[in-house]
C-alpha atoms as a PDB file:
ATOM      1  CA  UNK A   1       0.019  -0.318  48.952  1.00  0.00           C
ATOM      2  CA  UNK A   2       0.510  -4.153  49.061  1.00  0.00           C
ATOM      3  CA  UNK A   3      -2.391  -6.239  48.621  1.00  0.00           C
ATOM      4  CA  UNK A   4      -1.846  -9.254  50.918  1.00  0.00           C
ATOM      5  CA  UNK A   5       2.151  -9.032  51.381  1.00  0.00           C
ATOM      6  CA  UNK A   6       2.197 -12.144  53.814  1.00  0.00           C
ATOM      7  CA  UNK A   7       0.886 -14.179  50.974  1.00  0.00           C
ATOM      8  CA  UNK A   8       2.745 -12.570  48.012  1.00  0.00           C
ATOM      9  CA  UNK A   9       6.072 -13.600  49.382  1.00  0.00           C
ATOM     10  CA  UNK A  10       5.686 -17.302  48.291  1.00  0.00           C
ATOM     11  CA  UNK A  11       7.904 -18.271  45.015  1.00  0.00           C
ATOM     12  CA  UNK A  12       5.842 -21.151  44.171  1.00  0.00           C
ATOM     13  CA  UNK A  13       2.284 -21.906  43.459  1.00  0.00           C
ATOM     14  CA  UNK A  14       0.296 -25.093  42.856  1.00  0.00           C
ATOM     15  CA  UNK A  15      -0.974 -25.967  39.399  1.00  0.00           C
ATOM     16  CA  UNK A  16      -4.490 -26.660  38.836  1.00  0.00           C
ATOM     17  CA  UNK A  17      -3.658 -30.308  38.209  1.00  0.00           C
ATOM     18  CA  UNK A  18      -2.252 -30.727  41.715  1.00  0.00           C
ATOM     19  CA  UNK A  19      -4.137 -31.748  44.483  1.00  0.00           C
ATOM     20  CA  UNK A  20      -4.466 -28.442  46.675  1.00  0.00           C
ATOM     21  CA  UNK A  21      -4.473 -28.317  50.135  1.00  0.00           C
ATOM     22  CA  UNK A  22      -6.162 -24.837  51.082  1.00  0.00           C
ATOM     23  CA  UNK A  23      -6.454 -22.671  54.001  1.00  0.00           C
ATOM     24  CA  UNK A  24      -9.833 -22.693  55.619  1.00  0.00           C
ATOM     25  CA  UNK A  25     -10.773 -19.506  54.976  1.00  0.00           C
ATOM     26  CA  UNK A  26      -9.880 -19.810  51.525  1.00  0.00           C
ATOM     27  CA  UNK A  27     -11.689 -23.458  51.214  1.00  0.00           C
ATOM     28  CA  UNK A  28     -15.074 -21.234  52.681  1.00  0.00           C
ATOM     29  CA  UNK A  29     -14.523 -18.630  50.275  1.00  0.00           C
ATOM     30  CA  UNK A  30     -14.472 -21.333  47.478  1.00  0.00           C
ATOM     31  CA  UNK A  31     -17.581 -22.968  48.447  1.00  0.00           C
ATOM     32  CA  UNK A  32     -19.364 -19.734  48.117  1.00  0.00           C
ATOM     33  CA  UNK A  33     -18.236 -19.977  44.210  1.00  0.00           C
ATOM     34  CA  UNK A  34     -20.893 -21.424  41.800  1.00  0.00           C
ATOM     35  CA  UNK A  35     -18.814 -23.840  39.321  1.00  0.00           C
ATOM     36  CA  UNK A  36     -18.232 -22.503  36.152  1.00  0.00           C
ATOM     37  CA  UNK A  37     -17.943 -18.828  37.186  1.00  0.00           C
ATOM     38  CA  UNK A  38     -16.097 -15.908  35.929  1.00  0.00           C
ATOM     39  CA  UNK A  39     -13.586 -14.961  38.881  1.00  0.00           C
ATOM     40  CA  UNK A  40     -11.406 -12.318  39.510  1.00  0.00           C
ATOM     41  CA  UNK A  41      -8.951 -12.490  42.816  1.00  0.00           C
ATOM     42  CA  UNK A  42      -7.788  -9.320  43.757  1.00  0.00           C
ATOM     43  CA  UNK A  43      -4.920  -9.484  45.955  1.00  0.00           C
ATOM     44  CA  UNK A  44      -4.283 -13.001  44.816  1.00  0.00           C
ATOM     45  CA  UNK A  45      -0.625 -14.182  46.320  1.00  0.00           C
ATOM     46  CA  UNK A  46       0.697 -16.950  45.019  1.00  0.00           C
ATOM     47  CA  UNK A  47      -2.710 -18.152  43.166  1.00  0.00           C
ATOM     48  CA  UNK A  48      -3.770 -21.174  45.749  1.00  0.00           C
ATOM     49  CA  UNK A  49      -7.638 -20.084  45.798  1.00  0.00           C
ATOM     50  CA  UNK A  50      -7.689 -19.866  41.806  1.00  0.00           C
ATOM     51  CA  UNK A  51      -5.398 -22.823  41.285  1.00  0.00           C
ATOM     52  CA  UNK A  52      -8.205 -24.613  43.768  1.00  0.00           C
ATOM     53  CA  UNK A  53     -11.230 -23.160  41.639  1.00  0.00           C
ATOM     54  CA  UNK A  54      -9.831 -24.092  38.371  1.00  0.00           C
ATOM     55  CA  UNK A  55      -9.224 -27.952  39.791  1.00  0.00           C
ATOM     56  CA  UNK A  56     -12.529 -28.489  41.424  1.00  0.00           C
ATOM     57  CA  UNK A  57     -14.611 -25.546  39.490  1.00  0.00           C
ATOM     58  CA  UNK A  58     -14.139 -25.196  36.510  1.00  0.00           C
ATOM     59  CA  UNK A  59     -14.008 -21.485  36.696  1.00  0.00           C
ATOM     60  CA  UNK A  60     -12.601 -19.245  34.209  1.00  0.00           C
ATOM     61  CA  UNK A  61     -10.094 -17.359  36.458  1.00  0.00           C
ATOM     62  CA  UNK A  62      -8.322 -14.084  36.570  1.00  0.00           C
ATOM     63  CA  UNK A  63      -5.984 -12.325  39.311  1.00  0.00           C
ATOM     64  CA  UNK A  64      -4.498  -9.283  40.167  1.00  0.00           C
ATOM     65  CA  UNK A  65      -1.602  -8.868  42.605  1.00  0.00           C
ATOM     66  CA  UNK A  66       0.880  -6.200  43.327  1.00  0.00           C
ATOM     67  CA  UNK A  67       3.853  -8.273  44.299  1.00  0.00           C
ATOM     68  CA  UNK A  68       5.822  -9.512  41.153  1.00  0.00           C
ATOM     69  CA  UNK A  69       7.206 -12.249  42.773  1.00  0.00           C
ATOM     70  CA  UNK A  70       3.519 -13.235  43.498  1.00  0.00           C
ATOM     71  CA  UNK A  71       2.673 -12.616  39.936  1.00  0.00           C
ATOM     72  CA  UNK A  72       5.670 -14.367  38.585  1.00  0.00           C
ATOM     73  CA  UNK A  73       4.707 -17.751  40.342  1.00  0.00           C
ATOM     74  CA  UNK A  74       1.137 -17.624  39.545  1.00  0.00           C
ATOM     75  CA  UNK A  75       2.252 -17.196  35.575  1.00  0.00           C
ATOM     76  CA  UNK A  76       4.709 -19.983  36.045  1.00  0.00           C
ATOM     77  CA  UNK A  77       1.674 -22.209  36.755  1.00  0.00           C
ATOM     78  CA  UNK A  78      -0.291 -21.302  34.295  1.00  0.00           C
ATOM     79  CA  UNK A  79      -2.395 -18.580  36.201  1.00  0.00           C
ATOM     80  CA  UNK A  80      -3.739 -15.755  34.017  1.00  0.00           C
ATOM     81  CA  UNK A  81      -2.363 -12.818  36.971  1.00  0.00           C
ATOM     82  CA  UNK A  82      -1.268  -9.559  36.234  1.00  0.00           C
ATOM     83  CA  UNK A  83       0.267  -7.076  38.296  1.00  0.00           C
ATOM     84  CA  UNK A  84      -2.369  -4.464  40.001  1.00  0.00           C
ATOM     85  CA  UNK A  85      -3.470  -2.329  42.875  1.00  0.00           C
ATOM     86  CA  UNK A  86      -6.960  -2.396  44.190  1.00  0.00           C
ATOM     87  CA  UNK A  87      -7.017   1.393  44.924  1.00  0.00           C
ATOM     88  CA  UNK A  88      -5.915   2.202  41.595  1.00  0.00           C
ATOM     89  CA  UNK A  89      -6.723  -0.265  38.737  1.00  0.00           C
ATOM     90  CA  UNK A  90     -10.369  -1.563  39.620  1.00  0.00           C
ATOM     91  CA  UNK A  91     -11.588   1.587  37.635  1.00  0.00           C
ATOM     92  CA  UNK A  92     -10.517  -0.019  34.214  1.00  0.00           C
ATOM     93  CA  UNK A  93     -12.922  -2.999  34.842  1.00  0.00           C
ATOM     94  CA  UNK A  94     -16.510  -2.546  33.140  1.00  0.00           C
ATOM     95  CA  UNK A  95     -19.684  -3.610  34.869  1.00  0.00           C
ATOM     96  CA  UNK A  96     -20.537  -7.178  35.572  1.00  0.00           C
ATOM     97  CA  UNK A  97     -17.453  -8.439  33.792  1.00  0.00           C
ATOM     98  CA  UNK A  98     -17.350 -11.129  36.436  1.00  0.00           C
ATOM     99  CA  UNK A  99     -19.509 -13.683  38.079  1.00  0.00           C
ATOM    100  CA  UNK A 100     -17.287 -13.392  41.610  1.00  0.00           C
ATOM    101  CA  UNK A 101     -14.988 -10.761  42.715  1.00  0.00           C
ATOM    102  CA  UNK A 102     -12.442 -11.894  45.431  1.00  0.00           C
ATOM    103  CA  UNK A 103     -10.898  -9.650  48.346  1.00  0.00           C
ATOM    104  CA  UNK A 104      -9.339 -11.891  50.227  1.00  0.00           C
ATOM    105  CA  UNK A 105      -7.980 -10.322  54.033  1.00  0.00           C
ATOM    106  CA  UNK A 106      -7.193  -7.127  51.865  1.00  0.00           C
ATOM    107  CA  UNK A 107      -9.701  -4.490  52.759  1.00  0.00           C
ATOM    108  CA  UNK A 108      -7.880  -3.523  55.773  1.00  0.00           C
ATOM    109  CA  UNK A 109      -4.792  -2.568  53.288  1.00  0.00           C
ATOM    110  CA  UNK A 110      -6.370  -0.570  50.704  1.00  0.00           C
ATOM    111  CA  UNK A 111      -6.646   3.717  51.139  1.00  0.00           C
ATOM    112  CA  UNK A 112      -9.945   3.864  50.307  1.00  0.00           C
ATOM    113  CA  UNK A 113     -12.152   0.836  51.199  1.00  0.00           C
ATOM    114  CA  UNK A 114     -15.320   2.150  50.589  1.00  0.00           C
ATOM    115  CA  UNK A 115     -14.593   2.561  47.050  1.00  0.00           C
ATOM    116  CA  UNK A 116     -12.930  -0.656  46.574  1.00  0.00           C
ATOM    117  CA  UNK A 117     -16.105  -2.420  47.966  1.00  0.00           C
ATOM    118  CA  UNK A 118     -18.440  -0.064  45.684  1.00  0.00           C
ATOM    119  CA  UNK A 119     -15.968  -1.236  42.891  1.00  0.00           C
ATOM    120  CA  UNK A 120     -16.126  -5.129  43.964  1.00  0.00           C
ATOM    121  CA  UNK A 121     -19.791  -5.084  43.430  1.00  0.00           C
ATOM    122  CA  UNK A 122     -20.040  -3.176  40.116  1.00  0.00           C
ATOM    123  CA  UNK A 123     -17.469  -5.643  38.500  1.00  0.00           C
ATOM    124  CA  UNK A 124     -18.852  -8.686  39.924  1.00  0.00           C
ATOM    125  CA  UNK A 125     -22.372  -9.650  40.270  1.00  0.00           C
ATOM    126  CA  UNK A 126     -21.259 -10.886  43.292  1.00  0.00           C
ATOM    127  CA  UNK A 127     -18.335  -9.872  45.865  1.00  0.00           C
ATOM    128  CA  UNK A 128     -16.678 -12.305  48.490  1.00  0.00           C
ATOM    129  CA  UNK A 129     -14.757 -10.227  51.020  1.00  0.00           C
ATOM    130  CA  UNK A 130     -12.752 -11.662  54.019  1.00  0.00           C
ATOM    131  CA  UNK A 131     -11.092  -9.732  56.775  1.00  0.00           C
ATOM    132  CA  UNK A 132      -9.598 -10.318  60.268  1.00  0.00           C
ATOM    133  CA  UNK A 133     -12.301  -8.879  62.803  1.00  0.00           C
ATOM    134  CA  UNK A 134     -10.169  -6.728  65.323  1.00  0.00           C
ATOM    135  CA  UNK A 135     -13.517  -6.698  67.554  1.00  0.00           C
ATOM    136  CA  UNK A 136     -12.359 -10.084  68.527  1.00  0.00           C
ATOM    137  CA  UNK A 137     -12.411 -10.516  72.056  1.00  0.00           C
ATOM    138  CA  UNK A 138      -8.700 -11.285  72.621  1.00  0.00           C
ATOM    139  CA  UNK A 139      -8.194  -8.096  70.443  1.00  0.00           C
ATOM    140  CA  UNK A 140      -9.782  -6.184  73.169  1.00  0.00           C
ATOM    141  CA  UNK A 141      -8.582  -7.947  76.324  1.00  0.00           C
ATOM    142  CA  UNK A 142      -4.897  -7.512  74.766  1.00  0.00           C
ATOM    143  CA  UNK A 143      -5.085  -3.766  74.583  1.00  0.00           C
ATOM    144  CA  UNK A 144      -6.575  -3.785  78.045  1.00  0.00           C
ATOM    145  CA  UNK A 145      -4.392  -5.807  79.507  1.00  0.00           C
ATOM    146  CA  UNK A 146      -0.850  -4.416  77.407  1.00  0.00           C
ATOM    147  CA  UNK A 147      -2.060  -1.058  76.271  1.00  0.00           C
ATOM    148  CA  UNK A 148      -0.033  -1.639  72.714  1.00  0.00           C
ATOM    149  CA  UNK A 149      -2.081  -2.011  69.355  1.00  0.00           C
ATOM    150  CA  UNK A 150      -2.540  -5.966  68.931  1.00  0.00           C
ATOM    151  CA  UNK A 151      -1.123  -7.684  65.863  1.00  0.00           C
ATOM    152  CA  UNK A 152      -2.471 -10.545  64.358  1.00  0.00           C
ATOM    153  CA  UNK A 153      -1.051 -13.745  65.318  1.00  0.00           C
ATOM    154  CA  UNK A 154       1.679 -15.296  63.210  1.00  0.00           C
ATOM    155  CA  UNK A 155       2.291 -11.804  61.319  1.00  0.00           C
ATOM    156  CA  UNK A 156       5.819 -10.581  60.717  1.00  0.00           C
ATOM    157  CA  UNK A 157       4.579  -6.726  61.276  1.00  0.00           C
ATOM    158  CA  UNK A 158       4.431  -4.563  63.879  1.00  0.00           C
ATOM    159  CA  UNK A 159       2.498  -1.285  64.269  1.00  0.00           C
ATOM    160  CA  UNK A 160       5.035   0.668  62.664  1.00  0.00           C
ATOM    161  CA  UNK A 161       5.376  -1.251  59.473  1.00  0.00           C
ATOM    162  CA  UNK A 162       1.981  -3.007  58.904  1.00  0.00           C
ATOM    163  CA  UNK A 163       0.417  -2.529  55.628  1.00  0.00           C
ATOM    164  CA  UNK A 164      -3.150  -2.154  57.779  1.00  0.00           C
ATOM    165  CA  UNK A 165      -4.026   0.793  57.682  1.00  0.00           C
ATOM    166  CA  UNK A 166      -8.099   0.624  57.892  1.00  0.00           C
ATOM    167  CA  UNK A 167      -8.743  -1.853  60.374  1.00  0.00           C
ATOM    168  CA  UNK A 168     -12.141  -2.779  61.148  1.00  0.00           C
ATOM    169  CA  UNK A 169     -14.362  -4.631  63.123  1.00  0.00           C
ATOM    170  CA  UNK A 170     -17.725  -7.016  62.025  1.00  0.00           C
ATOM    171  CA  UNK A 171     -20.008  -4.434  63.191  1.00  0.00           C
ATOM    172  CA  UNK A 172     -17.688  -1.771  61.263  1.00  0.00           C
ATOM    173  CA  UNK A 173     -18.181  -3.982  57.922  1.00  0.00           C
ATOM    174  CA  UNK A 174     -21.894  -4.667  58.281  1.00  0.00           C
ATOM    175  CA  UNK A 175     -22.581  -0.720  58.774  1.00  0.00           C
ATOM    176  CA  UNK A 176     -20.495  -0.033  55.673  1.00  0.00           C
ATOM    177  CA  UNK A 177     -22.743  -2.488  53.611  1.00  0.00           C
ATOM    178  CA  UNK A 178     -26.117  -0.991  54.995  1.00  0.00           C
ATOM    179  CA  UNK A 179     -24.788   2.578  54.231  1.00  0.00           C
ATOM    180  CA  UNK A 180     -24.081   1.434  50.813  1.00  0.00           C
ATOM    181  CA  UNK A 181     -27.207  -0.579  50.257  1.00  0.00           C
ATOM    182  CA  UNK A 182     -25.676  -4.145  50.187  1.00  0.00           C
ATOM    183  CA  UNK A 183     -27.394  -7.147  50.299  1.00  0.00           C
ATOM    184  CA  UNK A 184     -25.382  -9.755  52.595  1.00  0.00           C
ATOM    185  CA  UNK A 185     -26.147 -13.092  51.113  1.00  0.00           C
ATOM    186  CA  UNK A 186     -24.201 -15.181  53.289  1.00  0.00           C
ATOM    187  CA  UNK A 187     -21.804 -14.319  56.020  1.00  0.00           C
ATOM    188  CA  UNK A 188     -19.481 -16.416  58.089  1.00  0.00           C
ATOM    189  CA  UNK A 189     -17.333 -15.863  61.030  1.00  0.00           C
ATOM    190  CA  UNK A 190     -14.033 -18.446  61.755  1.00  0.00           C
ATOM    191  CA  UNK A 191     -12.479 -18.995  65.267  1.00  0.00           C
ATOM    192  CA  UNK A 192      -8.799 -19.162  65.773  1.00  0.00           C
ATOM    193  CA  UNK A 193      -9.553 -23.234  66.334  1.00  0.00           C
ATOM    194  CA  UNK A 194     -11.199 -23.581  63.121  1.00  0.00           C
ATOM    195  CA  UNK A 195     -15.138 -23.423  64.212  1.00  0.00           C
ATOM    196  CA  UNK A 196     -17.377 -21.609  61.643  1.00  0.00           C
ATOM    197  CA  UNK A 197     -20.443 -20.064  62.705  1.00  0.00           C
ATOM    198  CA  UNK A 198     -22.945 -18.205  60.492  1.00  0.00           C
ATOM    199  CA  UNK A 199     -23.011 -14.546  61.203  1.00  0.00           C
ATOM    200  CA  UNK A 200     -26.655 -13.773  62.551  1.00  0.00           C
ATOM    201  CA  UNK A 201     -28.692 -10.730  62.771  1.00  0.00           C
ATOM    202  CA  UNK A 202     -26.337  -7.510  63.449  1.00  0.00           C
ATOM    203  CA  UNK A 203     -23.713  -9.487  64.110  1.00  0.00           C
ATOM    204  CA  UNK A 204     -22.522  -8.586  68.042  1.00  0.00           C
ATOM    205  CA  UNK A 205     -22.044 -12.386  69.018  1.00  0.00           C
ATOM    206  CA  UNK A 206     -19.944 -12.821  65.901  1.00  0.00           C
ATOM    207  CA  UNK A 207     -18.147  -9.875  66.438  1.00  0.00           C
ATOM    208  CA  UNK A 208     -16.887 -10.967  69.665  1.00  0.00           C
ATOM    209  CA  UNK A 209     -15.515 -14.659  69.052  1.00  0.00           C
ATOM    210  CA  UNK A 210     -14.685 -14.378  65.369  1.00  0.00           C
ATOM    211  CA  UNK A 211     -11.400 -13.955  64.390  1.00  0.00           C
ATOM    212  CA  UNK A 212     -11.908 -13.452  60.758  1.00  0.00           C
ATOM    213  CA  UNK A 213     -14.736 -13.039  59.097  1.00  0.00           C
ATOM    214  CA  UNK A 214     -15.985 -13.603  55.012  1.00  0.00           C
ATOM    215  CA  UNK A 215     -19.075 -12.063  53.279  1.00  0.00           C
ATOM    216  CA  UNK A 216     -20.871 -12.582  49.819  1.00  0.00           C
ATOM    217  CA  UNK A 217     -22.414  -9.815  48.745  1.00  0.00           C
ATOM    218  CA  UNK A 218     -24.381  -8.405  45.633  1.00  0.00           C
ATOM    219  CA  UNK A 219     -25.533  -4.883  45.077  1.00  0.00           C
ATOM    220  CA  UNK A 220     -29.268  -3.978  46.011  1.00  0.00           C
END
């Protein structure tokens, strides 16, 4: 089960000493992390976020990536990353081993998202989770008009070979957090054209207009 197959295919990664131009969603995640923190990035791909955090926020960063190519790229550039699977390997980490645990655009590809989310807030004092929102109005319209399962823009996968097995909306995710008794410290929606909005209340408006969502969580 791939953690983030689209980002894992890169065979080069920036070093912590290079100027790093992050995708906007990764920059928003980085903004949620306090300087000098211990960070575990699950599904870290080519290590771009870890490298950025090391350079700009002096974090003690670690990563888990299922792709051997991604692991090799990270290690070659001095990042501490091991090969692993979010569904099976998080149980090996002790409670509060990190200040932040990041799961970027990966939750929908896990077999047991509820258990993975519980592990995130157990291992980290805070968890940062991002995902594509399948409640977006374009996704709804595409299904209504074309009658086909929508595919994320720019994705090389179709419905038959996509690693995404638990698609969710912002409302689904908020509901799961409430069921698990998690506190949402901060939540943002990101539109396809780069507009960022705070997700307010139950998230109904963000569920319509947000292409991606980013949540900062903690237990209780």
